[in-house]
Amino acid sequence: MPNNATELRSWGARGTAGVSFAATLEFAEVSVHLGGRVVLDQFSLRLEPGEIVCLLGESGSGKSTALRVAAGIQPVHAGALLINGQTMSAPGTNISPDKRGIGLMFQDFALFPHLTVLQNVLFGLRRLGRSAALARARAALHRVGLSAREADYPHMLSGGQQQRSASARSVAPRPAVLLLDEPFSSLDARLRETVREETLAVLRETHATSPVVTHDPEEAMVMGDRVALLRHGRIAQIGTAAEIYRHPVDLSAALLFSAQRNRVHRRQWPRAHAFGPCCNAGPGRWCSRHHRHPPHRRCRSIHYRPRYAGPPSRQARRHRHRYLRGQSERD
């Protein structure tokens, strides 16, 4: 299985992706109701040409619904969606997705299993002539490093290669707006960082206006020119990653971006507790845990650091200290 360095080298040369004519994307007080529930509540957001804005929030906050509205597959009940100042969605008006000049990268890649990699990329290039479509499709595959796999089917590719195929299919038509709905969530942690870095490079090269839906605060801070924090169908705060991190609008926003919160809730711990040295107190001195050390050795106590808040009991610490002391004396 390839490591991160191999995966990075397998991508094509940077600066070779086709450039799009970026467009403005504007949500003007958009409201959407689904099943009697308000999913988007007077949602307003404007993306400048070539800007990458990450929509960050918990499940049910309206992130994916906003992308569905932009794609034209979700009607709106109030407000309007505009691309380059032209109304694409409004009550009673809905321009079809194929006439909006947009691309969409799905969460599960949505590759056609009965088509080869090259045929998947050619699917969105039917308006071009055969030779022009082939040239553009192969250029997109070369950029993502899959020129040698164009005759393979999706089931013959790894997860990272499937994501790269979906990227090539999305950028090959050179859309003015490229919508990304959690494109890295199905990748393992080993590949996610590398694929995210190269996908961001492709977005910068194409200059496409790109709203990116994500649950990951770290991903939003790395990718987005701005980050929009969604809550209950509205934008609770929007700004650069540094602005939101340093000046959160409330405690919930602060917890979402804090390193402590991410470490406690997102890190995969190998066991229930981690351990760490008590201190570096010298012989015959009091350590930070108030243990008196014999004159012939330093403190070797290891105290529990629980995964969740709250120190262990004094009895547990004393038991651990006596256990290590006994081991040291036996040595």
Protein backbone atom coordinates (compact mmCIF):
# COMPACT_ATOMS: atom_id res chain seq x y z
CA MET A 1 0.00 0.00 0.00
CA PRO A 2 1.51 3.38 -1.00
CA ASN A 3 2.64 5.79 1.67
CA ASN A 4 2.08 9.55 1.68
CA ALA A 5 5.28 10.31 -0.23
CA THR A 6 4.38 7.83 -2.97
CA GLU A 7 0.86 9.19 -3.17
CA LEU A 8 2.19 12.74 -3.49
CA ARG A 9 4.65 11.80 -6.24
CA SER A 10 1.90 10.04 -8.21
CA TRP A 11 0.08 13.31 -8.85
CA GLY A 12 0.83 15.23 -12.02
CA ALA A 13 2.88 18.41 -12.26
CA ARG A 14 1.31 21.45 -10.66
CA GLY A 15 0.23 24.33 -12.86
CA THR A 16 -1.11 22.07 -15.64
CA ALA A 17 -4.83 22.16 -14.77
CA GLY A 18 -7.15 24.10 -17.09
CA VAL A 19 -8.20 27.56 -15.93
CA SER A 20 -11.89 28.35 -15.46
CA PHE A 21 -13.72 31.65 -15.81
CA ALA A 22 -14.65 32.07 -12.16
CA ALA A 23 -18.03 33.50 -11.23
CA THR A 24 -19.56 35.13 -8.18
CA LEU A 25 -21.92 32.97 -6.15
CA GLU A 26 -24.46 34.68 -3.91
CA PHE A 27 -27.11 33.36 -1.55
CA ALA A 28 -29.58 36.20 -0.95
CA GLU A 29 -31.67 35.43 2.16
CA VAL A 30 -32.38 31.89 0.98
CA SER A 31 -34.89 29.86 2.98
CA VAL A 32 -35.58 26.14 2.54
CA HIS A 33 -38.19 24.05 4.37
CA LEU A 34 -38.03 20.26 4.40
CA GLY A 35 -40.62 18.13 6.14
CA GLY A 36 -42.01 21.10 8.03
CA ARG A 37 -38.57 21.99 9.37
CA VAL A 38 -36.58 25.10 8.48
CA VAL A 39 -33.23 23.91 7.08
CA LEU A 40 -31.99 27.25 5.74
CA ASP A 41 -33.29 30.37 7.45
CA GLN A 42 -32.63 33.55 5.44
CA PHE A 43 -29.19 32.26 4.56
CA SER A 44 -26.99 34.96 3.02
CA LEU A 45 -23.46 34.48 1.68
CA ARG A 46 -21.44 35.90 -1.21
CA LEU A 47 -18.38 34.23 -2.73
CA GLU A 48 -16.08 36.29 -4.90
CA PRO A 49 -14.62 34.83 -8.12
CA GLY A 50 -11.94 32.25 -7.34
CA GLU A 51 -12.63 32.30 -3.61
CA ILE A 52 -12.70 29.13 -1.50
CA VAL A 53 -15.15 29.30 1.40
CA CYS A 54 -15.54 26.38 3.80
CA LEU A 55 -19.01 25.79 5.25
CA LEU A 56 -18.39 24.36 8.70
CA GLY A 57 -20.95 23.07 11.14
CA GLU A 58 -22.48 20.05 12.77
CA SER A 59 -24.91 17.66 11.09
CA GLY A 60 -28.25 19.29 10.34
CA SER A 61 -26.89 22.84 10.22
CA GLY A 62 -27.77 23.23 6.51
CA LYS A 63 -24.35 22.90 4.85
CA SER A 64 -25.22 20.27 2.26
CA THR A 65 -28.61 21.87 1.63
CA ALA A 66 -26.84 25.10 0.66
CA LEU A 67 -24.78 23.16 -1.90
CA ARG A 68 -27.91 21.47 -3.23
CA VAL A 69 -29.48 24.89 -3.72
CA ALA A 70 -26.39 26.10 -5.58
CA ALA A 71 -26.43 22.97 -7.75
CA GLY A 72 -30.08 23.47 -8.66
CA ILE A 73 -31.35 20.19 -7.22
CA GLN A 74 -33.10 21.80 -4.24
CA PRO A 75 -35.83 24.44 -4.80
CA VAL A 76 -35.94 27.45 -2.50
CA HIS A 77 -39.01 28.75 -0.68
CA ALA A 78 -37.74 32.32 -0.22
CA GLY A 79 -34.82 34.42 -1.35
CA ALA A 80 -32.69 33.84 -4.43
CA LEU A 81 -29.47 32.25 -5.61
CA LEU A 82 -27.43 34.28 -8.08
CA ILE A 83 -24.43 33.33 -10.24
CA ASN A 84 -22.67 36.32 -11.78
CA GLY A 85 -25.69 38.42 -10.86
CA GLN A 86 -28.17 36.21 -12.74
CA THR A 87 -30.97 34.58 -10.75
CA MET A 88 -30.69 30.81 -10.90
CA SER A 89 -33.04 29.82 -8.08
CA ALA A 90 -36.00 31.67 -6.62
CA PRO A 91 -39.59 30.81 -5.68
CA GLY A 92 -41.11 29.62 -8.95
CA THR A 93 -37.76 29.75 -10.79
CA ASN A 94 -35.13 27.03 -11.01
CA ILE A 95 -32.56 26.92 -13.81
CA SER A 96 -31.49 23.34 -14.56
CA PRO A 97 -28.09 22.26 -13.21
CA ASP A 98 -26.56 21.69 -16.66
CA LYS A 99 -27.12 25.34 -17.57
CA ARG A 100 -25.46 26.85 -14.49
CA GLY A 101 -21.82 26.21 -15.34
CA ILE A 102 -21.14 24.38 -12.09
CA GLY A 103 -19.34 21.21 -11.06
CA LEU A 104 -20.03 19.00 -8.06
CA MET A 105 -17.70 16.63 -6.22
CA PHE A 106 -19.73 14.21 -4.14
CA GLN A 107 -18.92 12.73 -0.77
CA ASP A 108 -18.89 9.17 -2.17
CA PHE A 109 -17.27 10.23 -5.50
CA ALA A 110 -20.31 8.90 -7.49
CA LEU A 111 -18.22 7.31 -10.25
CA PHE A 112 -20.15 5.26 -12.79
CA PRO A 113 -19.13 1.64 -12.14
CA HIS A 114 -19.84 0.49 -15.72
CA LEU A 115 -17.58 3.16 -17.27
CA THR A 116 -13.81 3.31 -17.35
CA VAL A 117 -11.88 6.13 -15.71
CA LEU A 118 -11.54 7.94 -19.04
CA GLN A 119 -15.23 7.49 -19.85
CA ASN A 120 -16.18 8.88 -16.44
CA VAL A 121 -14.18 12.04 -17.15
CA LEU A 122 -15.62 12.29 -20.68
CA PHE A 123 -19.17 12.17 -19.32
CA GLY A 124 -19.26 15.92 -18.66
CA LEU A 125 -17.61 16.86 -21.96
CA ARG A 126 -20.31 15.79 -24.38
CA ARG A 127 -20.74 19.30 -25.77
CA LEU A 128 -17.19 19.25 -27.12
CA GLY A 129 -16.05 17.42 -30.20
CA ARG A 130 -14.62 13.95 -29.78
CA SER A 131 -10.99 14.94 -30.24
CA ALA A 132 -11.27 18.05 -28.05
CA ALA A 133 -13.06 16.09 -25.33
CA LEU A 134 -10.42 13.36 -25.35
CA ALA A 135 -7.60 15.89 -25.15
CA ARG A 136 -9.18 17.70 -22.22
CA ALA A 137 -10.08 14.51 -20.37
CA ARG A 138 -6.57 13.11 -20.71
CA ALA A 139 -5.08 16.43 -19.59
CA ALA A 140 -7.25 16.28 -16.44
CA LEU A 141 -6.21 12.69 -15.77
CA HIS A 142 -2.56 13.62 -16.29
CA ARG A 143 -2.91 16.40 -13.69
CA VAL A 144 -4.17 13.95 -11.07
CA GLY A 145 -1.63 11.29 -12.06
CA LEU A 146 -4.00 8.70 -13.53
CA SER A 147 -2.95 8.71 -17.18
CA ALA A 148 -1.86 5.10 -16.94
CA ARG A 149 -5.18 4.00 -15.41
CA GLU A 150 -7.59 5.49 -17.93
CA ALA A 151 -8.76 2.06 -19.13
CA ASP A 152 -9.43 0.75 -15.61
CA TYR A 153 -12.83 0.63 -13.93
CA PRO A 154 -13.55 2.36 -10.60
CA HIS A 155 -13.57 -0.89 -8.61
CA MET A 156 -9.95 -1.48 -9.69
CA LEU A 157 -8.78 1.75 -8.04
CA SER A 158 -7.91 2.51 -4.45
CA GLY A 159 -9.89 5.04 -2.43
CA GLY A 160 -7.38 7.80 -3.10
CA GLN A 161 -7.35 7.04 -6.82
CA GLN A 162 -11.15 7.12 -6.94
CA GLN A 163 -11.08 10.55 -5.31
CA ARG A 164 -8.56 11.73 -7.90
CA SER A 165 -10.78 10.39 -10.68
CA ALA A 166 -13.70 12.35 -9.25
CA SER A 167 -11.50 15.46 -9.11
CA ALA A 168 -10.53 15.05 -12.76
CA ARG A 169 -14.16 14.60 -13.79
CA SER A 170 -15.16 17.73 -11.82
CA VAL A 171 -12.50 20.07 -13.22
CA ALA A 172 -12.40 18.78 -16.80
CA PRO A 173 -15.44 20.86 -17.95
CA ARG A 174 -13.76 23.92 -16.34
CA PRO A 175 -16.79 25.00 -14.30
CA ALA A 176 -17.13 28.57 -13.05
CA VAL A 177 -18.29 27.23 -9.65
CA LEU A 178 -17.10 23.95 -8.16
CA LEU A 179 -19.09 22.55 -5.22
CA LEU A 180 -17.35 20.11 -2.85
CA ASP A 181 -19.46 18.12 -0.39
CA GLU A 182 -17.07 16.57 2.16
CA PRO A 183 -14.82 15.14 -0.57
CA PHE A 184 -12.25 13.67 1.86
CA SER A 185 -14.50 12.12 4.50
CA SER A 186 -14.31 8.61 3.03
CA LEU A 187 -10.50 8.56 2.95
CA ASP A 188 -8.41 7.21 5.80
CA ALA A 189 -6.25 9.53 7.84
CA ARG A 190 -3.10 8.33 6.07
CA LEU A 191 -4.26 9.65 2.69
CA ARG A 192 -6.54 12.52 3.67
CA GLU A 193 -3.84 15.11 4.22
CA THR A 194 -2.00 14.38 0.96
CA VAL A 195 -5.14 14.26 -1.18
CA ARG A 196 -6.46 17.43 0.45
CA GLU A 197 -3.22 19.27 -0.27
CA GLU A 198 -3.20 18.31 -3.95
CA THR A 199 -6.93 18.98 -4.37
CA LEU A 200 -6.41 22.45 -2.94
CA ALA A 201 -3.58 22.99 -5.43
CA VAL A 202 -5.91 21.98 -8.28
CA LEU A 203 -8.59 24.41 -7.05
CA ARG A 204 -6.04 27.23 -6.97
CA GLU A 205 -4.91 26.41 -10.49
CA THR A 206 -8.41 26.33 -11.97
CA HIS A 207 -9.48 29.55 -10.17
CA ALA A 208 -12.98 28.11 -9.75
CA THR A 209 -15.20 29.61 -7.05
CA SER A 210 -15.49 26.80 -4.51
CA PRO A 211 -17.76 26.37 -1.49
CA VAL A 212 -16.51 23.37 0.50
CA VAL A 213 -18.68 21.54 3.04
CA THR A 214 -16.79 19.96 5.93
CA HIS A 215 -17.17 18.81 9.52
CA ASP A 216 -13.46 19.14 10.23
CA PRO A 217 -12.30 22.48 11.74
CA GLU A 218 -8.69 21.72 10.81
CA GLU A 219 -9.66 21.08 7.20
CA ALA A 220 -11.65 24.32 7.08
CA MET A 221 -8.73 26.31 8.48
CA VAL A 222 -6.30 24.80 5.97
CA MET A 223 -8.41 25.05 2.82
CA GLY A 224 -10.64 28.09 3.11
CA ASP A 225 -9.91 31.70 2.28
CA ARG A 226 -12.82 32.25 4.63
CA VAL A 227 -14.73 29.97 6.98
CA ALA A 228 -18.50 30.24 7.49
CA LEU A 229 -19.72 28.66 10.72
CA LEU A 230 -23.31 27.46 10.22
CA ARG A 231 -25.81 26.91 12.99
CA HIS A 232 -29.54 26.19 12.61
CA GLY A 233 -29.58 27.22 8.96
CA ARG A 234 -27.84 30.55 9.49
CA ILE A 235 -24.28 31.82 9.52
CA ALA A 236 -23.23 32.29 13.13
CA GLN A 237 -19.83 33.72 12.18
CA ILE A 238 -17.79 34.21 9.02
CA GLY A 239 -14.22 35.34 8.52
CA THR A 240 -10.73 34.05 8.01
CA ALA A 241 -9.58 31.09 10.06
CA ALA A 242 -7.36 33.37 12.17
CA GLU A 243 -10.21 35.78 12.87
CA ILE A 244 -12.59 33.06 14.02
CA TYR A 245 -9.89 31.32 16.04
CA ARG A 246 -8.80 34.49 17.84
CA HIS A 247 -12.18 36.18 18.13
CA PRO A 248 -14.92 33.51 18.32
CA VAL A 249 -18.46 34.78 18.45
CA ASP A 250 -19.37 32.59 21.42
CA LEU A 251 -18.22 29.66 23.52
CA SER A 252 -19.48 27.05 21.03
CA ALA A 253 -17.37 28.57 18.27
CA ALA A 254 -14.37 28.71 20.58
CA LEU A 255 -14.75 25.04 21.53
CA LEU A 256 -15.11 24.03 17.89
CA PHE A 257 -11.76 25.59 16.96
CA SER A 258 -9.83 25.02 20.17
CA ALA A 259 -6.95 22.58 20.07
CA GLN A 260 -8.01 21.06 23.38
CA ARG A 261 -11.45 20.18 22.10
CA ASN A 262 -10.07 18.64 18.91
CA ARG A 263 -7.49 16.64 20.87
CA VAL A 264 -10.05 15.23 23.30
CA HIS A 265 -12.85 14.40 20.89
CA ARG A 266 -11.15 13.68 17.57
CA ARG A 267 -7.88 12.00 18.37
CA GLN A 268 -7.87 8.23 18.20
CA TRP A 269 -6.37 7.13 21.50
CA PRO A 270 -4.74 3.70 21.53
CA ARG A 271 -6.05 2.98 25.03
CA ALA A 272 -8.36 4.45 27.61
CA HIS A 273 -5.65 6.43 29.42
CA ALA A 274 -2.32 7.99 28.57
CA PHE A 275 0.62 8.14 30.96
CA GLY A 276 3.29 10.71 31.59
CA PRO A 277 6.17 11.29 34.00
CA CYS A 278 5.36 12.87 37.32
CA CYS A 279 8.18 15.42 37.36
CA ASN A 280 11.93 15.87 37.19
CA ALA A 281 12.47 16.47 40.86
CA GLY A 282 15.93 15.52 42.10
CA PRO A 283 16.80 13.13 44.93
CA GLY A 284 15.56 14.21 48.35
CA ARG A 285 13.23 16.90 46.99
CA TRP A 286 9.48 17.27 46.84
CA CYS A 287 7.97 16.67 43.42
CA SER A 288 4.93 18.37 41.95
CA ARG A 289 2.78 15.49 43.29
CA HIS A 290 4.11 15.96 46.83
CA HIS A 291 6.06 12.72 46.91
CA ARG A 292 9.24 12.67 48.95
CA HIS A 293 11.97 10.89 47.01
CA PRO A 294 14.73 8.78 48.52
CA PRO A 295 18.17 10.33 48.14
CA HIS A 296 19.39 7.69 45.68
CA ARG A 297 17.01 8.22 42.73
CA ARG A 298 14.73 10.65 40.97
CA CYS A 299 10.96 10.41 40.84
CA ARG A 300 9.86 7.62 38.53
CA SER A 301 6.17 7.96 39.25
CA ILE A 302 3.80 7.81 36.30
CA HIS A 303 0.38 9.28 36.89
CA TYR A 304 -2.80 8.67 35.00
CA ARG A 305 -3.91 11.42 32.62
CA PRO A 306 -7.54 10.51 31.92
CA ARG A 307 -9.02 10.96 28.49
CA TYR A 308 -11.73 13.15 29.95
CA ALA A 309 -11.47 15.94 32.50
CA GLY A 310 -10.91 15.18 36.15
CA PRO A 311 -7.81 13.89 37.96
CA PRO A 312 -7.59 10.33 39.28
CA SER A 313 -8.08 9.65 42.93
CA ARG A 314 -5.21 10.02 45.39
CA GLN A 315 -5.44 6.33 46.12
CA ALA A 316 -4.89 5.45 42.45
CA ARG A 317 -1.85 7.71 42.24
CA ARG A 318 -0.39 6.27 45.46
CA HIS A 319 -0.94 2.72 44.20
CA ARG A 320 0.84 3.47 40.94
CA HIS A 321 3.73 5.14 42.74
CA ARG A 322 4.22 2.18 45.10
CA TYR A 323 4.12 -0.21 42.16
CA LEU A 324 6.93 1.60 40.36
CA ARG A 325 8.90 1.93 43.57
CA GLY A 326 8.74 -1.84 44.03
CA GLN A 327 9.89 -2.40 40.46
CA SER A 328 12.80 -0.03 40.95
CA GLU A 329 13.92 -1.77 44.14
CA ARG A 330 13.76 -5.16 42.41
CA ASP A 331 15.94 -3.79 39.60
